[in-house]
Amino acid sequence: MTPVDESPPPAAPRTTGLPRRLLRPAAAVLSGLLLYASFPPRTVWWLVLPGFALLGWVLHGRRLRAAFGLGLLSGLGFMLPLLRWTGEDVGPVPWLALATAEALFIAVGCLAIAAVTRLAYWPLWAAAVWTLDEAVRARIPFGGFPWGKIAFGQSESPFLPIAALGGTPLLSFAVVLCGFGLYEAVRRGVAYRSTGKIPRAAVAGAAASVLVPVAGAFAALPLVDDSAENGTATVAAIQGNVPRLGLDFNAQRRAVLDNHARRTAQLADEVKAGKVKQPDFVLWPENSSDLDPYLNADARDIIDGAVREIGVPTVIGSVVEKGSDSLRNTLIEWEPDKGPVATYDKRHIQPFGEYMPMRTVARFFSEDVDRVQREFVPGTEVGVFDLAGTRVGLVTCYEAAFDDAVRDTVTHGGQMIAVPSNNATFGRSEMTYQQLAMSQVRAVEHGRAVVVPVTSGVSAVIRPDGTIVEKSRMFTPDALVEDVPLRSSLTPATRMGPLLEGLIALLALAGLGWAGVTAVRARRTGGTAR
């Protein structure tokens, strides 16, 4: 077993009084702000590294209670600005509640990170603990909320190829390890300047913490392949736009449907005029028809007319009645000569948006909970449509954040992925760019082209290497028509699924167990655990 790291930390600056006491709390907040700033729409992904280096300094050797408080400050610095879009239309209460809840998860994770910083090679254990913390908050409560995974901020990063090797857990782990490793390298350098001595094992550990993730990214590059293995398909993504921003657009369901039918008819005219290539199939976004076409004859006629005009299979996003008191968020495969032939019901539905858990308690904080009058129920089947011979995996909006929802479509034969979405509620906030980055990461993770049709933007076509080849502007009607490569091979990340995340979790638990044993031994021998 590797010995406990007992080398003395570098001497602290000789400052006293209030400024000294505020230094670490201020650094904790700054570390969170750096993590936030590394996320889209900004392209300064590298800020995540000094963010974790600073967090390493904040937490290293801290008492557990202090680490919890510092972690909460860092979590708030990260989550408050990252999730600002959640209060775009319903006010600050849901935003503050969600950001605080997520920050509490981070605070618990930072407490555990502080415990393992007393071990040799602590950046390894700390990165595993952070990844375990992400795994937990991606699952609980209410099905979890994976937003803010460090992996989702790396869509433009050289680390991105790691996603093909081990999915979002390994990508997060590698980036966090590199950040903590940078701090450890600096810490050891300062210690050397102070004492003139430094353990060789410590130097090797610090160097490996930085170099191994970088080497892993280069090693994973050959896995990022966007060649066509099963030919190509010409895909059209329709962005019809919405009448106005905010939740009120749902009261204008007919106008939204008309917009998408009109833009599809316009595309049909452009095809007849030879301006654009005839698509093999068309993708409409989530909520493009909030009028149930199975019950509303007008909606059915509008959709049927648009699909007949373009003359190819079209995926329609609709709200479908399921009984007198429940709804389903459904994607419908609509054939020009047969009408609706297949459906996919969204499996990961959004708590406090599509359904309202603990309604009575939530109403105490905000009466906006009563906007959700009829709740959605989740589907149970994986969505893969056969559209003109192309097997298309279906992931509806919010589901793009969940590892299993995307992976299932590929293991069930999806040759490409579609992510129909509706972000109109969140206006021009950063939400749509954060979600688009998720689709870029998923493209690399599973080696699949990803097409994202959105009601109000940003719609996009993403190649399997994560590059965006075409995208729309926000709140502008558009039709994106592109040839995309079809693929059937599976990346290591797809094959392993949650296995690697489980191994990282075991690594984290092993580190925490070792830290616990070390602390008990220290007390028995009269030592003190800082």
Protein backbone atom coordinates (compact mmCIF):
# COMPACT_ATOMS: atom_id res chain seq x y z
CA MET A 1 0.00 0.00 0.00
CA THR A 2 1.31 3.45 -0.85
CA PRO A 3 2.34 5.38 2.26
CA VAL A 4 0.41 8.36 3.53
CA ASP A 5 1.62 11.68 2.17
CA GLU A 6 3.31 13.23 5.20
CA SER A 7 5.43 15.85 3.47
CA PRO A 8 4.93 19.32 4.94
CA PRO A 9 2.78 21.74 2.99
CA PRO A 10 4.34 24.99 1.81
CA ALA A 11 4.43 27.74 4.37
CA ALA A 12 1.33 29.91 4.37
CA PRO A 13 1.71 33.64 3.70
CA ARG A 14 2.19 35.66 6.87
CA THR A 15 -1.08 37.52 6.80
CA THR A 16 -3.36 37.97 9.78
CA GLY A 17 -6.84 39.16 10.55
CA LEU A 18 -9.93 39.34 8.36
CA PRO A 19 -8.21 39.24 4.92
CA ARG A 20 -6.59 35.89 5.79
CA ARG A 21 -9.91 34.44 6.91
CA LEU A 22 -11.60 35.55 3.71
CA LEU A 23 -8.89 34.29 1.38
CA ARG A 24 -10.04 30.67 1.08
CA PRO A 25 -13.78 31.47 0.92
CA ALA A 26 -13.09 34.00 -1.85
CA ALA A 27 -10.93 31.44 -3.67
CA ALA A 28 -13.69 28.85 -3.33
CA VAL A 29 -16.20 31.15 -5.00
CA LEU A 30 -13.67 32.01 -7.70
CA SER A 31 -13.03 28.32 -8.40
CA GLY A 32 -16.75 27.81 -9.02
CA LEU A 33 -16.92 30.86 -11.28
CA LEU A 34 -14.02 29.50 -13.33
CA LEU A 35 -15.84 26.18 -13.77
CA TYR A 36 -18.95 28.06 -14.93
CA ALA A 37 -16.95 30.23 -17.33
CA SER A 38 -15.49 27.11 -18.98
CA PHE A 39 -18.97 26.08 -20.22
CA PRO A 40 -20.62 27.10 -23.51
CA PRO A 41 -21.46 29.44 -25.11
CA ARG A 42 -17.92 30.49 -24.18
CA THR A 43 -15.08 28.53 -25.76
CA VAL A 44 -12.56 28.99 -22.92
CA TRP A 45 -12.83 25.32 -21.87
CA TRP A 46 -9.34 25.48 -20.38
CA LEU A 47 -10.57 27.63 -17.48
CA VAL A 48 -11.75 24.39 -15.89
CA LEU A 49 -8.11 23.50 -15.17
CA PRO A 50 -7.21 26.54 -13.03
CA GLY A 51 -10.69 26.20 -11.54
CA PHE A 52 -9.88 22.76 -10.15
CA ALA A 53 -6.31 23.74 -9.31
CA LEU A 54 -7.71 26.56 -7.18
CA LEU A 55 -10.29 24.22 -5.63
CA GLY A 56 -7.44 21.84 -4.79
CA TRP A 57 -5.68 24.63 -2.89
CA VAL A 58 -8.91 25.52 -1.10
CA LEU A 59 -9.61 21.94 0.05
CA HIS A 60 -6.16 20.44 0.57
CA GLY A 61 -5.77 19.38 4.19
CA ARG A 62 -8.89 21.23 5.36
CA ARG A 63 -10.99 19.98 8.24
CA LEU A 64 -14.12 18.28 6.98
CA ARG A 65 -16.57 20.84 8.32
CA ALA A 66 -14.59 23.69 6.77
CA ALA A 67 -14.35 21.75 3.50
CA PHE A 68 -18.15 21.39 3.40
CA GLY A 69 -18.61 25.15 3.75
CA LEU A 70 -15.92 25.94 1.20
CA GLY A 71 -17.38 23.36 -1.17
CA LEU A 72 -20.81 24.95 -0.82
CA LEU A 73 -19.35 28.34 -1.77
CA SER A 74 -17.62 26.81 -4.79
CA GLY A 75 -20.81 24.97 -5.76
CA LEU A 76 -22.85 28.17 -5.58
CA GLY A 77 -20.22 30.02 -7.62
CA PHE A 78 -20.58 27.30 -10.25
CA MET A 79 -24.29 26.49 -10.24
CA LEU A 80 -25.91 29.88 -9.65
CA PRO A 81 -24.73 31.37 -12.96
CA LEU A 82 -24.80 28.05 -14.84
CA LEU A 83 -28.49 27.43 -14.06
CA ARG A 84 -29.69 31.04 -14.32
CA TRP A 85 -31.86 30.02 -17.29
CA THR A 86 -34.14 27.95 -15.04
CA GLY A 87 -35.65 31.20 -13.71
CA GLU A 88 -35.99 32.78 -17.14
CA ASP A 89 -39.78 32.94 -17.07
CA VAL A 90 -40.94 31.68 -13.66
CA GLY A 91 -38.83 33.91 -11.44
CA PRO A 92 -35.86 33.39 -9.13
CA VAL A 93 -37.28 30.85 -6.65
CA PRO A 94 -36.93 27.69 -8.82
CA TRP A 95 -33.50 28.83 -9.98
CA LEU A 96 -32.20 29.50 -6.48
CA ALA A 97 -33.67 26.26 -5.13
CA LEU A 98 -32.18 24.10 -7.87
CA ALA A 99 -28.78 25.81 -7.80
CA THR A 100 -28.60 25.47 -4.01
CA ALA A 101 -29.58 21.80 -4.14
CA GLU A 102 -26.88 21.09 -6.73
CA ALA A 103 -24.35 23.11 -4.73
CA LEU A 104 -25.11 20.99 -1.66
CA PHE A 105 -24.20 17.87 -3.65
CA ILE A 106 -20.92 19.54 -4.59
CA ALA A 107 -20.35 20.53 -0.95
CA VAL A 108 -20.64 16.91 0.16
CA GLY A 109 -18.26 15.91 -2.62
CA CYS A 110 -15.76 18.56 -1.51
CA LEU A 111 -15.95 17.29 2.05
CA ALA A 112 -14.96 13.86 0.76
CA ILE A 113 -12.24 15.36 -1.43
CA ALA A 114 -10.72 17.10 1.59
CA ALA A 115 -10.58 13.73 3.35
CA VAL A 116 -8.58 12.08 0.54
CA THR A 117 -6.17 15.03 0.14
CA ARG A 118 -4.33 13.59 3.17
CA LEU A 119 -3.38 10.53 1.10
CA ALA A 120 -0.44 10.05 -1.24
CA TYR A 121 -1.38 10.60 -4.90
CA TRP A 122 -4.44 12.47 -3.71
CA PRO A 123 -5.36 14.00 -7.11
CA LEU A 124 -6.28 10.50 -8.31
CA TRP A 125 -8.59 9.88 -5.36
CA ALA A 126 -10.03 13.39 -5.49
CA ALA A 127 -10.87 13.14 -9.20
CA ALA A 128 -12.60 9.81 -8.56
CA VAL A 129 -14.61 11.36 -5.72
CA TRP A 130 -15.74 14.26 -7.92
CA THR A 131 -16.82 11.81 -10.64
CA LEU A 132 -18.72 9.74 -8.08
CA ASP A 133 -20.42 12.92 -6.88
CA GLU A 134 -21.51 13.66 -10.47
CA ALA A 135 -22.85 10.11 -10.81
CA VAL A 136 -24.95 10.47 -7.66
CA ARG A 137 -26.52 13.80 -8.56
CA ALA A 138 -27.24 12.48 -12.06
CA ARG A 139 -29.52 9.90 -10.42
CA ILE A 140 -31.12 11.43 -7.33
CA PRO A 141 -33.49 12.92 -6.42
CA PHE A 142 -36.40 12.61 -8.87
CA GLY A 143 -34.29 10.76 -11.41
CA GLY A 144 -31.31 13.10 -11.06
CA PHE A 145 -30.09 16.26 -12.77
CA PRO A 146 -26.84 15.72 -14.74
CA TRP A 147 -26.57 19.37 -15.85
CA GLY A 148 -23.15 20.74 -15.01
CA LYS A 149 -21.18 17.56 -15.58
CA ILE A 150 -17.64 18.72 -16.26
CA ALA A 151 -17.64 16.60 -19.44
CA PHE A 152 -20.39 18.79 -20.93
CA GLY A 153 -18.10 21.82 -20.83
CA GLN A 154 -15.48 20.09 -23.00
CA SER A 155 -17.23 20.10 -26.39
CA GLU A 156 -14.42 22.19 -27.92
CA SER A 157 -11.61 20.74 -25.82
CA PRO A 158 -8.66 18.55 -26.83
CA PHE A 159 -9.81 16.23 -24.04
CA LEU A 160 -13.06 15.47 -25.94
CA PRO A 161 -11.77 12.24 -27.63
CA ILE A 162 -11.66 10.63 -24.17
CA ALA A 163 -15.47 10.51 -24.37
CA ALA A 164 -15.18 7.80 -27.06
CA LEU A 165 -12.98 5.77 -24.73
CA GLY A 166 -15.00 5.96 -21.52
CA GLY A 167 -17.99 8.26 -21.95
CA THR A 168 -18.76 11.31 -19.85
CA PRO A 169 -17.54 9.73 -16.56
CA LEU A 170 -14.03 9.16 -17.87
CA LEU A 171 -13.95 12.56 -19.58
CA SER A 172 -14.93 14.31 -16.34
CA PHE A 173 -12.44 12.21 -14.36
CA ALA A 174 -9.57 13.03 -16.72
CA VAL A 175 -10.21 16.77 -16.74
CA VAL A 176 -10.62 16.97 -12.95
CA LEU A 177 -7.49 14.87 -12.43
CA CYS A 178 -5.50 17.22 -14.64
CA GLY A 179 -6.74 20.27 -12.72
CA PHE A 180 -5.93 18.83 -9.31
CA GLY A 181 -2.61 17.59 -10.69
CA LEU A 182 -1.68 21.12 -11.71
CA TYR A 183 -2.18 22.32 -8.15
CA GLU A 184 -0.16 19.41 -6.76
CA ALA A 185 2.68 20.19 -9.16
CA VAL A 186 2.70 23.83 -8.03
CA ARG A 187 2.47 22.79 -4.36
CA ARG A 188 5.45 20.49 -4.73
CA GLY A 189 7.39 23.18 -6.53
CA VAL A 190 6.78 25.65 -3.71
CA ALA A 191 7.77 23.00 -1.15
CA TYR A 192 11.02 22.38 -3.01
CA ARG A 193 11.87 26.07 -3.02
CA SER A 194 11.25 26.21 0.74
CA THR A 195 13.09 23.05 1.81
CA GLY A 196 15.28 22.06 -1.11
CA LYS A 197 13.92 18.52 -0.77
CA ILE A 198 11.04 16.77 -2.44
CA PRO A 199 10.07 13.07 -2.52
CA ARG A 200 10.57 11.51 -5.93
CA ALA A 201 7.30 9.58 -5.63
CA ALA A 202 5.46 12.85 -5.03
CA VAL A 203 7.01 14.42 -8.12
CA ALA A 204 6.08 11.39 -10.19
CA GLY A 205 2.51 11.46 -8.87
CA ALA A 206 2.05 15.15 -9.62
CA ALA A 207 3.47 14.76 -13.11
CA ALA A 208 1.32 11.72 -13.84
CA SER A 209 -1.80 13.57 -12.70
CA VAL A 210 -1.21 16.12 -15.45
CA LEU A 211 0.37 14.03 -18.17
CA VAL A 212 -1.78 10.89 -18.05
CA PRO A 213 -5.04 12.69 -18.96
CA VAL A 214 -3.26 14.56 -21.75
CA ALA A 215 -1.73 11.33 -23.05
CA GLY A 216 -5.14 9.66 -22.79
CA ALA A 217 -6.69 12.33 -24.99
CA PHE A 218 -4.04 11.75 -27.67
CA ALA A 219 -4.40 7.98 -27.37
CA ALA A 220 -8.17 8.25 -27.85
CA LEU A 221 -7.88 10.31 -31.04
CA PRO A 222 -7.99 7.25 -33.37
CA LEU A 223 -11.38 6.36 -31.84
CA VAL A 224 -12.89 9.59 -33.18
CA ASP A 225 -13.96 8.56 -36.67
CA ASP A 226 -16.64 10.30 -38.71
CA SER A 227 -16.40 8.15 -41.83
CA ALA A 228 -19.58 6.65 -43.27
CA GLU A 229 -19.79 2.90 -42.58
CA ASN A 230 -23.33 2.41 -43.86
CA GLY A 231 -23.55 5.13 -46.48
CA THR A 232 -25.07 8.52 -45.84
CA ALA A 233 -28.53 9.94 -45.34
CA THR A 234 -29.80 13.37 -46.33
CA VAL A 235 -31.56 14.81 -43.30
CA ALA A 236 -33.68 17.93 -42.99
CA ALA A 237 -34.14 19.58 -39.57
CA ILE A 238 -37.06 22.02 -39.43
CA GLN A 239 -37.04 25.03 -37.11
CA GLY A 240 -40.45 26.66 -37.42
CA ASN A 241 -39.99 29.20 -34.60
CA VAL A 242 -42.56 30.24 -31.98
CA PRO A 243 -44.83 33.31 -31.87
CA ARG A 244 -43.18 34.79 -28.76
CA LEU A 245 -40.85 33.84 -25.94
CA GLY A 246 -41.72 32.21 -22.68
CA LEU A 247 -44.25 29.73 -21.42
CA ASP A 248 -47.11 31.65 -23.03
CA PHE A 249 -46.18 30.15 -26.38
CA ASN A 250 -47.92 26.94 -25.26
CA ALA A 251 -51.21 28.82 -25.44
CA GLN A 252 -50.45 29.40 -29.11
CA ARG A 253 -50.09 25.76 -30.05
CA ARG A 254 -51.79 26.14 -33.39
CA ALA A 255 -49.41 28.93 -34.44
CA VAL A 256 -46.38 26.78 -33.58
CA LEU A 257 -47.77 23.90 -35.63
CA ASP A 258 -48.55 26.21 -38.55
CA ASN A 259 -45.00 27.58 -38.44
CA HIS A 260 -43.46 24.13 -38.79
CA ALA A 261 -45.88 23.04 -41.49
CA ARG A 262 -45.23 26.27 -43.39
CA ARG A 263 -41.44 25.90 -43.22
CA THR A 264 -41.72 22.27 -44.38
CA ALA A 265 -43.88 23.33 -47.34
CA GLN A 266 -41.31 26.01 -48.15
CA LEU A 267 -38.59 23.35 -48.09
CA ALA A 268 -40.67 21.24 -50.49
CA ASP A 269 -40.84 24.21 -52.88
CA GLU A 270 -37.06 24.70 -52.62
CA VAL A 271 -36.52 21.01 -53.43
CA LYS A 272 -38.81 21.24 -56.50
CA ALA A 273 -36.91 24.33 -57.64
CA GLY A 274 -33.61 22.46 -57.32
CA LYS A 275 -32.29 24.83 -54.65
CA VAL A 276 -31.71 22.11 -52.07
CA LYS A 277 -31.36 18.36 -52.16
CA GLN A 278 -34.38 16.13 -51.56
CA PRO A 279 -34.09 14.86 -47.97
CA ASP A 280 -34.52 11.18 -47.17
CA PHE A 281 -36.48 12.14 -44.08
CA VAL A 282 -37.42 15.23 -42.06
CA LEU A 283 -37.15 15.94 -38.34
CA TRP A 284 -39.46 18.34 -36.54
CA PRO A 285 -38.64 19.42 -32.97
CA GLU A 286 -40.22 18.53 -29.66
CA ASN A 287 -43.56 20.32 -29.13
CA SER A 288 -43.87 21.20 -32.81
CA SER A 289 -47.48 20.06 -32.46
CA ASP A 290 -48.85 20.44 -28.95
CA LEU A 291 -52.22 19.66 -30.49
CA ASP A 292 -52.74 15.91 -30.28
CA PRO A 293 -53.14 14.77 -33.91
CA TYR A 294 -54.87 11.59 -32.76
CA LEU A 295 -57.69 13.66 -31.24
CA ASN A 296 -57.57 16.92 -33.20
CA ALA A 297 -58.62 16.55 -36.84
CA ASP A 298 -57.28 19.99 -37.80
CA ALA A 299 -53.82 19.19 -36.44
CA ARG A 300 -53.82 15.85 -38.24
CA ASP A 301 -54.76 17.49 -41.55
CA ILE A 302 -52.05 20.15 -41.21
CA ILE A 303 -49.35 17.60 -40.42
CA ASP A 304 -50.53 15.20 -43.10
CA GLY A 305 -50.55 17.97 -45.70
CA ALA A 306 -47.02 19.09 -44.87
CA VAL A 307 -45.65 15.53 -44.86
CA ARG A 308 -47.34 14.71 -48.18
CA GLU A 309 -45.89 17.87 -49.70
CA ILE A 310 -42.31 17.03 -48.73
CA GLY A 311 -43.00 13.39 -49.64
CA VAL A 312 -40.72 11.64 -47.12
CA PRO A 313 -41.07 10.21 -43.57
CA THR A 314 -41.21 12.98 -40.96
CA VAL A 315 -40.77 12.85 -37.19
CA ILE A 316 -43.30 15.05 -35.39
CA GLY A 317 -42.93 16.16 -31.76
CA SER A 318 -46.34 16.15 -30.10
CA VAL A 319 -48.19 16.08 -26.80
CA VAL A 320 -50.44 13.03 -26.76
CA GLU A 321 -53.35 12.38 -24.42
CA LYS A 322 -53.00 9.27 -22.27
CA GLY A 323 -56.18 8.96 -20.29
CA SER A 324 -58.18 11.78 -18.78
CA ASP A 325 -55.48 13.12 -16.48
CA SER A 326 -52.09 12.36 -18.04
CA LEU A 327 -50.04 13.22 -21.10
CA ARG A 328 -47.04 11.86 -22.96
CA ASN A 329 -44.28 13.81 -24.68
CA THR A 330 -44.28 11.81 -27.91
CA LEU A 331 -42.32 11.66 -31.15
CA ILE A 332 -44.42 10.32 -34.03
CA GLU A 333 -43.11 8.77 -37.22
CA TRP A 334 -45.41 10.10 -39.94
CA GLU A 335 -45.37 8.53 -43.40
CA PRO A 336 -46.69 10.53 -46.39
CA ASP A 337 -48.96 7.70 -47.56
CA LYS A 338 -49.84 6.05 -44.23
CA GLY A 339 -49.91 8.79 -41.60
CA PRO A 340 -48.62 7.98 -38.07
CA VAL A 341 -46.97 4.56 -37.97
CA ALA A 342 -44.73 4.55 -34.85
CA THR A 343 -44.22 6.50 -31.63
CA TYR A 344 -41.57 7.12 -29.00
CA ASP A 345 -42.57 8.46 -25.57
CA LYS A 346 -39.97 10.47 -23.69
CA ARG A 347 -38.58 8.34 -20.86
CA HIS A 348 -36.71 10.90 -18.74
CA ILE A 349 -39.36 13.51 -18.04
CA GLN A 350 -38.48 16.75 -16.31
CA PRO A 351 -39.47 17.15 -12.65
CA PHE A 352 -41.13 20.48 -11.80
CA GLY A 353 -41.64 21.01 -15.53
CA GLU A 354 -43.40 18.01 -17.05
CA TYR A 355 -44.54 16.64 -13.73
CA MET A 356 -44.72 18.11 -10.24
CA PRO A 357 -43.30 16.07 -7.35
CA MET A 358 -44.23 17.23 -3.86
CA ARG A 359 -46.73 19.70 -5.30
CA THR A 360 -47.97 20.88 -1.88
CA VAL A 361 -44.46 21.60 -0.63
CA ALA A 362 -43.44 23.25 -3.91
CA ARG A 363 -46.51 25.50 -3.80
CA PHE A 364 -45.27 26.88 -0.48
CA PHE A 365 -42.32 28.40 -2.37
CA SER A 366 -44.07 29.38 -5.60
CA GLU A 367 -47.60 29.31 -7.00
CA ASP A 368 -46.10 28.72 -10.46
CA VAL A 369 -46.29 24.99 -9.72
CA ASP A 370 -49.94 25.14 -10.72
CA ARG A 371 -48.94 25.91 -14.29
CA VAL A 372 -48.35 22.17 -14.51
CA GLN A 373 -51.98 21.13 -14.28
CA ARG A 374 -51.84 17.83 -16.16
CA GLU A 375 -48.72 15.79 -15.59
CA PHE A 376 -46.73 13.82 -18.12
CA VAL A 377 -45.98 10.15 -17.60
CA PRO A 378 -42.72 8.58 -18.83
CA GLY A 379 -42.42 6.08 -21.63
CA THR A 380 -40.73 2.72 -21.19
CA GLU A 381 -39.48 1.76 -24.66
CA VAL A 382 -36.23 2.77 -26.37
CA GLY A 383 -36.89 4.97 -29.40
CA VAL A 384 -35.39 3.88 -32.73
CA PHE A 385 -37.31 4.68 -35.94
CA ASP A 386 -36.63 3.18 -39.35
CA LEU A 387 -36.86 6.24 -41.58
CA ALA A 388 -36.51 5.38 -45.26
CA GLY A 389 -34.04 2.61 -44.40
CA THR A 390 -32.05 4.62 -41.84
CA ARG A 391 -32.28 3.59 -38.20
CA VAL A 392 -32.48 6.79 -36.19
CA GLY A 393 -32.06 6.80 -32.40
CA LEU A 394 -34.39 9.26 -30.67
CA VAL A 395 -33.49 11.32 -27.62
CA THR A 396 -35.97 14.03 -26.61
CA CYS A 397 -34.44 17.30 -25.37
CA TYR A 398 -33.72 16.90 -21.61
CA GLU A 399 -32.80 13.24 -22.17
CA ALA A 400 -29.54 14.26 -23.87
CA ALA A 401 -28.12 14.89 -20.39
CA PHE A 402 -28.59 11.24 -19.35
CA ASP A 403 -25.96 8.69 -20.32
CA ASP A 404 -28.33 5.73 -20.51
CA ALA A 405 -30.97 7.48 -22.62
CA VAL A 406 -28.49 8.18 -25.42
CA ARG A 407 -26.54 4.94 -25.21
CA ASP A 408 -29.70 2.82 -25.43
CA THR A 409 -30.55 4.20 -28.85
CA VAL A 410 -27.14 3.19 -30.20
CA THR A 411 -27.10 -0.31 -28.69
CA HIS A 412 -30.58 -0.81 -30.17
CA GLY A 413 -29.24 -0.17 -33.65
CA GLY A 414 -29.32 3.59 -34.14
CA GLN A 415 -27.03 4.59 -37.03
CA MET A 416 -27.42 8.26 -36.15
CA ILE A 417 -29.07 10.17 -33.31
CA ALA A 418 -31.82 12.80 -33.38
CA VAL A 419 -32.40 15.14 -30.44
CA PRO A 420 -35.69 17.00 -31.08
CA SER A 421 -35.86 19.81 -28.53
CA ASN A 422 -37.88 22.80 -27.39
CA ASN A 423 -35.94 25.57 -25.67
CA ALA A 424 -38.33 28.45 -26.36
CA THR A 425 -39.32 28.70 -22.69
CA PHE A 426 -35.76 29.71 -21.83
CA GLY A 427 -35.52 32.56 -24.32
CA ARG A 428 -32.05 33.60 -25.43
CA SER A 429 -30.36 32.23 -22.33
CA GLU A 430 -27.26 30.04 -22.28
CA MET A 431 -29.38 26.92 -21.85
CA THR A 432 -29.65 26.14 -25.56
CA TYR A 433 -25.86 26.31 -25.99
CA GLN A 434 -25.24 24.15 -22.94
CA GLN A 435 -27.62 21.54 -24.31
CA LEU A 436 -26.11 21.73 -27.80
CA ALA A 437 -22.69 21.02 -26.26
CA MET A 438 -24.13 17.85 -24.72
CA SER A 439 -25.07 16.65 -28.20
CA GLN A 440 -21.51 17.34 -29.41
CA VAL A 441 -20.12 15.25 -26.57
CA ARG A 442 -22.64 12.46 -27.30
CA ALA A 443 -21.60 12.43 -30.97
CA VAL A 444 -18.00 11.63 -30.01
CA GLU A 445 -18.98 9.33 -27.16
CA HIS A 446 -20.94 7.03 -29.46
CA GLY A 447 -19.40 7.76 -32.86
CA ARG A 448 -22.69 8.94 -34.35
CA ALA A 449 -23.88 11.97 -36.26
CA VAL A 450 -26.38 13.94 -34.18
CA VAL A 451 -29.12 16.15 -35.64
CA VAL A 452 -30.80 18.62 -33.28
CA PRO A 453 -34.07 20.21 -34.52
CA VAL A 454 -35.28 22.90 -32.09
CA THR A 455 -38.48 24.95 -32.17
CA SER A 456 -36.70 28.27 -31.68
CA GLY A 457 -33.02 27.37 -32.06
CA VAL A 458 -30.26 26.59 -32.00
CA SER A 459 -30.87 23.71 -34.42
CA ALA A 460 -27.73 21.96 -35.63
CA VAL A 461 -26.16 19.10 -37.56
CA ILE A 462 -23.19 17.51 -35.76
CA ARG A 463 -20.77 15.02 -37.26
CA PRO A 464 -19.50 11.99 -35.30
CA ASP A 465 -16.29 13.86 -34.43
CA GLY A 466 -18.30 16.53 -32.59
CA THR A 467 -17.96 19.30 -35.17
CA ILE A 468 -21.03 21.36 -36.02
CA VAL A 469 -21.38 21.56 -39.80
CA GLU A 470 -24.52 23.68 -39.88
CA LYS A 471 -26.64 25.51 -37.33
CA SER A 472 -29.50 27.98 -37.24
CA ARG A 473 -29.90 31.33 -35.55
CA MET A 474 -32.19 31.66 -32.57
CA PHE A 475 -35.85 32.59 -33.16
CA THR A 476 -35.50 32.41 -36.93
CA PRO A 477 -37.42 29.92 -39.11
CA ASP A 478 -34.98 27.64 -40.91
CA ALA A 479 -34.46 24.26 -42.54
CA LEU A 480 -31.07 22.59 -42.28
CA VAL A 481 -30.43 20.00 -45.01
CA GLU A 482 -27.25 17.96 -44.78
CA ASP A 483 -25.78 14.60 -45.75
CA VAL A 484 -24.73 12.80 -42.57
CA PRO A 485 -22.60 9.64 -42.26
CA LEU A 486 -24.31 6.53 -40.95
CA ARG A 487 -22.36 4.24 -38.64
CA SER A 488 -22.90 0.89 -36.95
CA SER A 489 -19.63 0.23 -35.10
CA LEU A 490 -19.56 0.75 -31.34
CA THR A 491 -17.02 2.84 -29.45
CA PRO A 492 -15.43 1.44 -26.27
CA ALA A 493 -17.62 3.89 -24.32
CA THR A 494 -20.78 2.46 -25.89
CA ARG A 495 -19.67 -1.12 -25.30
CA MET A 496 -18.75 -0.60 -21.65
CA GLY A 497 -21.74 1.52 -20.73
CA PRO A 498 -21.81 2.28 -16.99
CA LEU A 499 -19.02 -0.20 -16.18
CA LEU A 500 -16.23 2.37 -16.17
CA GLU A 501 -18.29 4.78 -14.08
CA GLY A 502 -18.74 1.95 -11.58
CA LEU A 503 -14.98 1.31 -11.46
CA ILE A 504 -14.29 5.00 -10.85
CA ALA A 505 -16.89 4.95 -8.07
CA LEU A 506 -15.12 1.96 -6.49
CA LEU A 507 -11.84 3.85 -6.72
CA ALA A 508 -13.42 6.79 -4.91
CA LEU A 509 -14.83 4.55 -2.19
CA ALA A 510 -11.47 2.84 -1.78
CA GLY A 511 -9.80 6.22 -1.30
CA LEU A 512 -12.40 7.29 1.23
CA GLY A 513 -12.00 4.00 3.09
CA TRP A 514 -8.25 4.41 3.19
CA ALA A 515 -8.62 7.98 4.43
CA GLY A 516 -10.97 6.77 7.18
CA VAL A 517 -8.57 4.07 8.32
CA THR A 518 -5.68 6.55 8.31
CA ALA A 519 -7.65 9.00 10.44
CA VAL A 520 -8.53 6.29 13.00
CA ARG A 521 -4.91 5.16 13.23
CA ALA A 522 -3.77 8.74 13.72
CA ARG A 523 -6.13 9.19 16.67
CA ARG A 524 -5.06 5.89 18.27
CA THR A 525 -1.40 6.82 18.07
CA GLY A 526 -2.01 10.28 19.48
CA GLY A 527 -1.65 12.06 16.16
CA THR A 528 -4.05 14.65 14.89
CA ALA A 529 -5.97 14.70 11.64
CA ARG A 530 -6.11 18.19 10.34
